[in-house]
Amino acid sequence: EVREETGLHIQVGSLLGVLDRRDKDAIALLFAAIPNKRPSKAKRKMALESGRMLCLTHCYTGYPMVRQARALVREGAIGRVRLIEAELSAGDPGVVAEPKDSSQRHWRFRKSSMGEGAILGEVGSHPFNLACFVSGLKAIRLCARMSTVVANREVYDNAHLSLDYEDGVQGRLWASYVAAGNDQGLCFRIFGEKGWLTWYQE
């Protein structure tokens, strides 16, 4: 955990990706997602003036089949992209239910630890990253339905998003901790004019 004088807490694992501090859009997105009481414009300003870099792991783009899918899309193998679907839907026993004793609640389900909407950053960021990486498209609009499925949980544990990407491409994203029976459920499907590609991690 890194604690800066800004008061932000960031969990850092293996650092495979580095965002340059000049990447203003990425910095704004990340700082807006980190829970604290400062407005996101103030957080963005702090980030840009700090001279520091933010690091974020998106290791799933390193899978050979994910890179092959990206190459096929770029080569036009499926034609112009029309639809994108991606998900990370976990459902192992440690996340599908709350403990009887709330003091034993996992840190990721504590509102004070990561904020109410942390599922989008911790879970949703991975399928979103894959969708953009493989399709080569940026999302320009989204509508999210956030919900708490498990009783007595403090944070959202399920999110369905509808997205509009560049060039009129439509998409859906599902991020969940309540898909009982799924180990991780990370996958994507990209449909084009001539065919489609799919990849499942499990």
C-alpha atoms as a PDB file:
ATOM      1  CA  GLU A   1       0.000   0.000   0.000  1.00  0.00           C
ATOM      2  CA  VAL A   2       1.279   3.452  -0.878  1.00  0.00           C
ATOM      3  CA  ARG A   3       0.228   6.462   1.166  1.00  0.00           C
ATOM      4  CA  GLU A   4       1.111   9.825  -0.329  1.00  0.00           C
ATOM      5  CA  GLU A   5       0.759  13.227   1.273  1.00  0.00           C
ATOM      6  CA  THR A   6      -2.425  13.560  -0.789  1.00  0.00           C
ATOM      7  CA  GLY A   7      -4.138  11.154   1.624  1.00  0.00           C
ATOM      8  CA  LEU A   8      -4.866   8.617  -1.141  1.00  0.00           C
ATOM      9  CA  HIS A   9      -4.412   4.915  -0.506  1.00  0.00           C
ATOM     10  CA  ILE A  10      -3.453   2.779  -3.500  1.00  0.00           C
ATOM     11  CA  GLN A  11      -3.019  -1.011  -3.439  1.00  0.00           C
ATOM     12  CA  VAL A  12      -0.124  -1.919  -5.714  1.00  0.00           C
ATOM     13  CA  GLY A  13       0.567  -5.464  -6.854  1.00  0.00           C
ATOM     14  CA  SER A  14       2.857  -6.483  -9.691  1.00  0.00           C
ATOM     15  CA  LEU A  15       3.319  -3.429 -11.853  1.00  0.00           C
ATOM     16  CA  LEU A  16       3.137  -4.436 -15.482  1.00  0.00           C
ATOM     17  CA  GLY A  17       1.804  -1.186 -16.899  1.00  0.00           C
ATOM     18  CA  VAL A  18       2.869   2.380 -16.297  1.00  0.00           C
ATOM     19  CA  LEU A  19       0.790   5.422 -17.113  1.00  0.00           C
ATOM     20  CA  ASP A  20       2.872   8.458 -17.912  1.00  0.00           C
ATOM     21  CA  ARG A  21       1.864  11.516 -15.892  1.00  0.00           C
ATOM     22  CA  ARG A  22       1.282  13.312 -19.197  1.00  0.00           C
ATOM     23  CA  ASP A  23      -1.603  10.927 -19.968  1.00  0.00           C
ATOM     24  CA  LYS A  24      -4.197  13.316 -18.563  1.00  0.00           C
ATOM     25  CA  ASP A  25      -7.259  11.221 -19.429  1.00  0.00           C
ATOM     26  CA  ALA A  26      -5.906   8.114 -17.673  1.00  0.00           C
ATOM     27  CA  ILE A  27      -4.890  10.108 -14.616  1.00  0.00           C
ATOM     28  CA  ALA A  28      -8.290  11.772 -14.409  1.00  0.00           C
ATOM     29  CA  LEU A  29     -10.064   8.401 -14.676  1.00  0.00           C
ATOM     30  CA  LEU A  30      -7.932   6.716 -12.045  1.00  0.00           C
ATOM     31  CA  PHE A  31      -8.069   9.548  -9.553  1.00  0.00           C
ATOM     32  CA  ALA A  32     -11.823   9.876 -10.000  1.00  0.00           C
ATOM     33  CA  ALA A  33     -12.150   6.184  -9.102  1.00  0.00           C
ATOM     34  CA  ILE A  34     -10.033   6.380  -5.934  1.00  0.00           C
ATOM     35  CA  PRO A  35     -12.352   7.067  -3.007  1.00  0.00           C
ATOM     36  CA  ASN A  36     -11.699  10.095  -0.859  1.00  0.00           C
ATOM     37  CA  LYS A  37     -13.553  13.274  -0.053  1.00  0.00           C
ATOM     38  CA  ARG A  38     -11.833  15.562  -2.568  1.00  0.00           C
ATOM     39  CA  PRO A  39     -13.612  16.413  -5.839  1.00  0.00           C
ATOM     40  CA  SER A  40     -12.187  14.545  -8.847  1.00  0.00           C
ATOM     41  CA  LYS A  41     -11.006  17.811 -10.483  1.00  0.00           C
ATOM     42  CA  ALA A  42      -8.884  18.519  -7.404  1.00  0.00           C
ATOM     43  CA  LYS A  43      -7.483  14.977  -7.476  1.00  0.00           C
ATOM     44  CA  ARG A  44      -6.646  15.310 -11.170  1.00  0.00           C
ATOM     45  CA  LYS A  45      -4.864  18.608 -10.521  1.00  0.00           C
ATOM     46  CA  MET A  46      -2.846  17.026  -7.701  1.00  0.00           C
ATOM     47  CA  ALA A  47      -1.850  14.145  -9.958  1.00  0.00           C
ATOM     48  CA  LEU A  48      -0.715  16.361 -12.799  1.00  0.00           C
ATOM     49  CA  GLU A  49       1.275  18.645 -10.501  1.00  0.00           C
ATOM     50  CA  SER A  50       2.850  15.857  -8.447  1.00  0.00           C
ATOM     51  CA  GLY A  51       5.422  14.794 -11.038  1.00  0.00           C
ATOM     52  CA  ARG A  52       4.705  11.176 -10.101  1.00  0.00           C
ATOM     53  CA  MET A  53       3.461   8.318 -12.240  1.00  0.00           C
ATOM     54  CA  LEU A  54       0.486   6.063 -11.572  1.00  0.00           C
ATOM     55  CA  CYS A  55       0.934   2.339 -12.153  1.00  0.00           C
ATOM     56  CA  LEU A  56      -1.863  -0.044 -13.006  1.00  0.00           C
ATOM     57  CA  THR A  57      -1.782  -3.759 -13.774  1.00  0.00           C
ATOM     58  CA  HIS A  58      -3.741  -5.043 -16.760  1.00  0.00           C
ATOM     59  CA  CYS A  59      -1.932  -8.328 -17.212  1.00  0.00           C
ATOM     60  CA  TYR A  60      -4.677 -10.082 -19.181  1.00  0.00           C
ATOM     61  CA  THR A  61      -3.615  -8.301 -22.369  1.00  0.00           C
ATOM     62  CA  GLY A  62      -0.432 -10.388 -22.235  1.00  0.00           C
ATOM     63  CA  TYR A  63      -2.173 -13.685 -23.022  1.00  0.00           C
ATOM     64  CA  PRO A  64      -1.076 -14.908 -26.491  1.00  0.00           C
ATOM     65  CA  MET A  65      -4.670 -15.638 -27.590  1.00  0.00           C
ATOM     66  CA  VAL A  66      -5.795 -12.142 -26.547  1.00  0.00           C
ATOM     67  CA  ARG A  67      -2.985 -10.658 -28.636  1.00  0.00           C
ATOM     68  CA  GLN A  68      -3.934 -12.941 -31.540  1.00  0.00           C
ATOM     69  CA  ALA A  69      -7.558 -11.776 -31.291  1.00  0.00           C
ATOM     70  CA  ARG A  70      -6.385  -8.159 -31.428  1.00  0.00           C
ATOM     71  CA  ALA A  71      -4.288  -8.919 -34.514  1.00  0.00           C
ATOM     72  CA  LEU A  72      -7.252 -10.608 -36.232  1.00  0.00           C
ATOM     73  CA  VAL A  73      -9.477  -7.576 -35.580  1.00  0.00           C
ATOM     74  CA  ARG A  74      -6.783  -5.238 -36.942  1.00  0.00           C
ATOM     75  CA  GLU A  75      -6.356  -7.417 -40.044  1.00  0.00           C
ATOM     76  CA  GLY A  76     -10.107  -7.240 -40.723  1.00  0.00           C
ATOM     77  CA  ALA A  77     -10.740 -10.962 -40.248  1.00  0.00           C
ATOM     78  CA  ILE A  78     -14.203 -10.303 -38.762  1.00  0.00           C
ATOM     79  CA  GLY A  79     -14.908  -7.146 -40.760  1.00  0.00           C
ATOM     80  CA  ARG A  80     -15.879  -3.848 -39.159  1.00  0.00           C
ATOM     81  CA  VAL A  81     -16.623  -4.322 -35.450  1.00  0.00           C
ATOM     82  CA  ARG A  82     -20.322  -3.982 -34.579  1.00  0.00           C
ATOM     83  CA  LEU A  83     -20.808  -5.337 -31.043  1.00  0.00           C
ATOM     84  CA  ILE A  84     -18.549  -5.874 -28.026  1.00  0.00           C
ATOM     85  CA  GLU A  85     -19.374  -7.894 -24.920  1.00  0.00           C
ATOM     86  CA  ALA A  86     -17.016  -8.430 -21.991  1.00  0.00           C
ATOM     87  CA  GLU A  87     -17.330  -9.697 -18.450  1.00  0.00           C
ATOM     88  CA  LEU A  88     -15.564 -10.691 -15.282  1.00  0.00           C
ATOM     89  CA  SER A  89     -18.109 -12.546 -13.191  1.00  0.00           C
ATOM     90  CA  ALA A  90     -16.630 -14.118 -10.085  1.00  0.00           C
ATOM     91  CA  GLY A  91     -18.603 -16.365  -7.801  1.00  0.00           C
ATOM     92  CA  ASP A  92     -16.304 -18.316  -5.534  1.00  0.00           C
ATOM     93  CA  PRO A  93     -17.469 -19.017  -1.948  1.00  0.00           C
ATOM     94  CA  GLY A  94     -15.409 -16.158  -0.524  1.00  0.00           C
ATOM     95  CA  VAL A  95     -17.365 -13.489  -2.394  1.00  0.00           C
ATOM     96  CA  VAL A  96     -20.934 -14.737  -2.946  1.00  0.00           C
ATOM     97  CA  ALA A  97     -22.011 -14.309   0.689  1.00  0.00           C
ATOM     98  CA  GLU A  98     -21.345 -12.063   3.672  1.00  0.00           C
ATOM     99  CA  PRO A  99     -20.050 -13.580   6.922  1.00  0.00           C
ATOM    100  CA  LYS A 100     -22.482 -13.776   9.833  1.00  0.00           C
ATOM    101  CA  ASP A 101     -20.110 -11.611  11.854  1.00  0.00           C
ATOM    102  CA  SER A 102     -19.714  -8.319   9.947  1.00  0.00           C
ATOM    103  CA  SER A 103     -16.362  -7.680  11.655  1.00  0.00           C
ATOM    104  CA  GLN A 104     -15.047 -10.602   9.579  1.00  0.00           C
ATOM    105  CA  ARG A 105     -16.098  -8.938   6.307  1.00  0.00           C
ATOM    106  CA  HIS A 106     -13.416  -9.017   3.586  1.00  0.00           C
ATOM    107  CA  TRP A 107     -11.763  -5.626   3.005  1.00  0.00           C
ATOM    108  CA  ARG A 108     -13.072  -5.397  -0.570  1.00  0.00           C
ATOM    109  CA  PHE A 109     -16.621  -5.354   0.774  1.00  0.00           C
ATOM    110  CA  ARG A 110     -16.010  -2.587   3.297  1.00  0.00           C
ATOM    111  CA  LYS A 111     -17.301   0.750   2.073  1.00  0.00           C
ATOM    112  CA  SER A 112     -14.629   2.526   4.125  1.00  0.00           C
ATOM    113  CA  SER A 113     -11.861   0.575   2.396  1.00  0.00           C
ATOM    114  CA  MET A 114     -12.527   1.062  -1.312  1.00  0.00           C
ATOM    115  CA  GLY A 115     -15.787   2.954  -1.660  1.00  0.00           C
ATOM    116  CA  GLU A 116     -19.250   1.835  -2.655  1.00  0.00           C
ATOM    117  CA  GLY A 117     -18.570   1.520  -6.388  1.00  0.00           C
ATOM    118  CA  ALA A 118     -15.162  -0.160  -6.240  1.00  0.00           C
ATOM    119  CA  ILE A 119     -16.428  -3.122  -8.267  1.00  0.00           C
ATOM    120  CA  LEU A 120     -15.985  -1.006 -11.396  1.00  0.00           C
ATOM    121  CA  GLY A 121     -12.310  -0.415 -10.676  1.00  0.00           C
ATOM    122  CA  GLU A 122     -11.333  -3.740  -9.155  1.00  0.00           C
ATOM    123  CA  VAL A 123     -13.445  -6.010 -11.368  1.00  0.00           C
ATOM    124  CA  GLY A 124     -14.932  -4.031 -14.264  1.00  0.00           C
ATOM    125  CA  SER A 125     -11.659  -2.434 -15.326  1.00  0.00           C
ATOM    126  CA  HIS A 126     -10.297  -5.777 -16.574  1.00  0.00           C
ATOM    127  CA  PRO A 127     -13.018  -6.722 -19.094  1.00  0.00           C
ATOM    128  CA  PHE A 128     -13.227  -3.051 -20.099  1.00  0.00           C
ATOM    129  CA  ASN A 129      -9.485  -2.990 -20.752  1.00  0.00           C
ATOM    130  CA  LEU A 130      -9.709  -6.197 -22.812  1.00  0.00           C
ATOM    131  CA  ALA A 131     -12.640  -4.901 -24.863  1.00  0.00           C
ATOM    132  CA  CYS A 132     -10.792  -1.704 -25.761  1.00  0.00           C
ATOM    133  CA  PHE A 133      -7.434  -3.458 -26.275  1.00  0.00           C
ATOM    134  CA  VAL A 134      -8.756  -6.127 -28.642  1.00  0.00           C
ATOM    135  CA  SER A 135     -11.240  -3.963 -30.566  1.00  0.00           C
ATOM    136  CA  GLY A 136      -8.926  -0.955 -30.798  1.00  0.00           C
ATOM    137  CA  LEU A 137     -11.898   1.264 -29.913  1.00  0.00           C
ATOM    138  CA  LYS A 138     -12.514   3.742 -27.098  1.00  0.00           C
ATOM    139  CA  ALA A 139     -15.772   3.910 -25.176  1.00  0.00           C
ATOM    140  CA  ILE A 140     -17.385   7.332 -25.434  1.00  0.00           C
ATOM    141  CA  ARG A 141     -20.569   6.884 -23.347  1.00  0.00           C
ATOM    142  CA  LEU A 142     -21.923   4.477 -20.782  1.00  0.00           C
ATOM    143  CA  CYS A 143     -24.958   3.785 -18.667  1.00  0.00           C
ATOM    144  CA  ALA A 144     -24.446   1.646 -15.552  1.00  0.00           C
ATOM    145  CA  ARG A 145     -26.894  -0.271 -13.402  1.00  0.00           C
ATOM    146  CA  MET A 146     -25.162  -0.844 -10.071  1.00  0.00           C
ATOM    147  CA  SER A 147     -26.717  -3.193  -7.534  1.00  0.00           C
ATOM    148  CA  THR A 148     -26.081  -4.919  -4.243  1.00  0.00           C
ATOM    149  CA  VAL A 149     -27.340  -8.485  -4.481  1.00  0.00           C
ATOM    150  CA  VAL A 150     -25.995 -10.017  -1.255  1.00  0.00           C
ATOM    151  CA  ALA A 151     -27.930  -9.113   1.904  1.00  0.00           C
ATOM    152  CA  ASN A 152     -26.140  -6.879   4.441  1.00  0.00           C
ATOM    153  CA  ARG A 153     -23.327  -5.977   2.008  1.00  0.00           C
ATOM    154  CA  GLU A 154     -22.059  -2.369   2.197  1.00  0.00           C
ATOM    155  CA  VAL A 155     -20.974  -2.000  -1.422  1.00  0.00           C
ATOM    156  CA  TYR A 156     -22.195  -2.766  -4.927  1.00  0.00           C
ATOM    157  CA  ASP A 157     -21.429  -6.352  -5.889  1.00  0.00           C
ATOM    158  CA  ASN A 158     -22.910  -6.455  -9.401  1.00  0.00           C
ATOM    159  CA  ALA A 159     -22.806  -4.030 -12.329  1.00  0.00           C
ATOM    160  CA  HIS A 160     -24.307  -4.146 -15.811  1.00  0.00           C
ATOM    161  CA  LEU A 161     -23.090  -1.476 -18.219  1.00  0.00           C
ATOM    162  CA  SER A 162     -24.241  -0.488 -21.685  1.00  0.00           C
ATOM    163  CA  LEU A 163     -21.513   1.243 -23.648  1.00  0.00           C
ATOM    164  CA  ASP A 164     -21.215   3.224 -26.849  1.00  0.00           C
ATOM    165  CA  TYR A 165     -17.826   2.940 -28.502  1.00  0.00           C
ATOM    166  CA  GLU A 166     -16.355   4.936 -31.357  1.00  0.00           C
ATOM    167  CA  ASP A 167     -17.757   4.376 -34.872  1.00  0.00           C
ATOM    168  CA  GLY A 168     -21.263   3.567 -33.575  1.00  0.00           C
ATOM    169  CA  VAL A 169     -20.209   0.275 -31.988  1.00  0.00           C
ATOM    170  CA  GLN A 170     -22.420  -0.913 -29.122  1.00  0.00           C
ATOM    171  CA  GLY A 171     -21.270  -2.901 -26.118  1.00  0.00           C
ATOM    172  CA  ARG A 172     -22.188  -4.513 -22.823  1.00  0.00           C
ATOM    173  CA  LEU A 173     -20.045  -5.158 -19.771  1.00  0.00           C
ATOM    174  CA  TRP A 174     -20.838  -7.285 -16.720  1.00  0.00           C
ATOM    175  CA  ALA A 175     -18.802  -7.078 -13.514  1.00  0.00           C
ATOM    176  CA  SER A 176     -19.914  -9.294 -10.655  1.00  0.00           C
ATOM    177  CA  TYR A 177     -19.015 -10.974  -7.383  1.00  0.00           C
ATOM    178  CA  VAL A 178     -22.278 -12.905  -7.185  1.00  0.00           C
ATOM    179  CA  ALA A 179     -22.077 -15.309 -10.154  1.00  0.00           C
ATOM    180  CA  ALA A 180     -22.063 -18.419  -7.956  1.00  0.00           C
ATOM    181  CA  GLY A 181     -20.075 -21.258  -9.488  1.00  0.00           C
ATOM    182  CA  ASN A 182     -17.854 -19.102 -11.682  1.00  0.00           C
ATOM    183  CA  ASP A 183     -14.220 -19.065 -10.681  1.00  0.00           C
ATOM    184  CA  GLN A 184     -13.497 -15.792 -12.438  1.00  0.00           C
ATOM    185  CA  GLY A 185     -15.556 -15.686 -15.607  1.00  0.00           C
ATOM    186  CA  LEU A 186     -13.296 -13.318 -17.539  1.00  0.00           C
ATOM    187  CA  CYS A 187     -14.229 -13.332 -21.214  1.00  0.00           C
ATOM    188  CA  PHE A 188     -15.030 -11.221 -24.244  1.00  0.00           C
ATOM    189  CA  ARG A 189     -16.972 -11.577 -27.486  1.00  0.00           C
ATOM    190  CA  ILE A 190     -16.458  -9.220 -30.405  1.00  0.00           C
ATOM    191  CA  PHE A 191     -18.855  -9.393 -33.350  1.00  0.00           C
ATOM    192  CA  GLY A 192     -18.052  -7.923 -36.743  1.00  0.00           C
ATOM    193  CA  GLU A 193     -19.700  -7.725 -40.160  1.00  0.00           C
ATOM    194  CA  LYS A 194     -18.193 -11.062 -41.271  1.00  0.00           C
ATOM    195  CA  GLY A 195     -17.722 -13.075 -38.076  1.00  0.00           C
ATOM    196  CA  TRP A 196     -16.868 -13.008 -34.405  1.00  0.00           C
ATOM    197  CA  LEU A 197     -14.137 -13.731 -31.870  1.00  0.00           C
ATOM    198  CA  THR A 198     -14.458 -15.031 -28.328  1.00  0.00           C
ATOM    199  CA  TRP A 199     -12.035 -15.745 -25.488  1.00  0.00           C
ATOM    200  CA  TYR A 200     -12.653 -17.276 -22.070  1.00  0.00           C
ATOM    201  CA  GLN A 201     -10.015 -17.399 -19.377  1.00  0.00           C
ATOM    202  CA  GLU A 202     -11.544 -20.365 -17.509  1.00  0.00           C
END
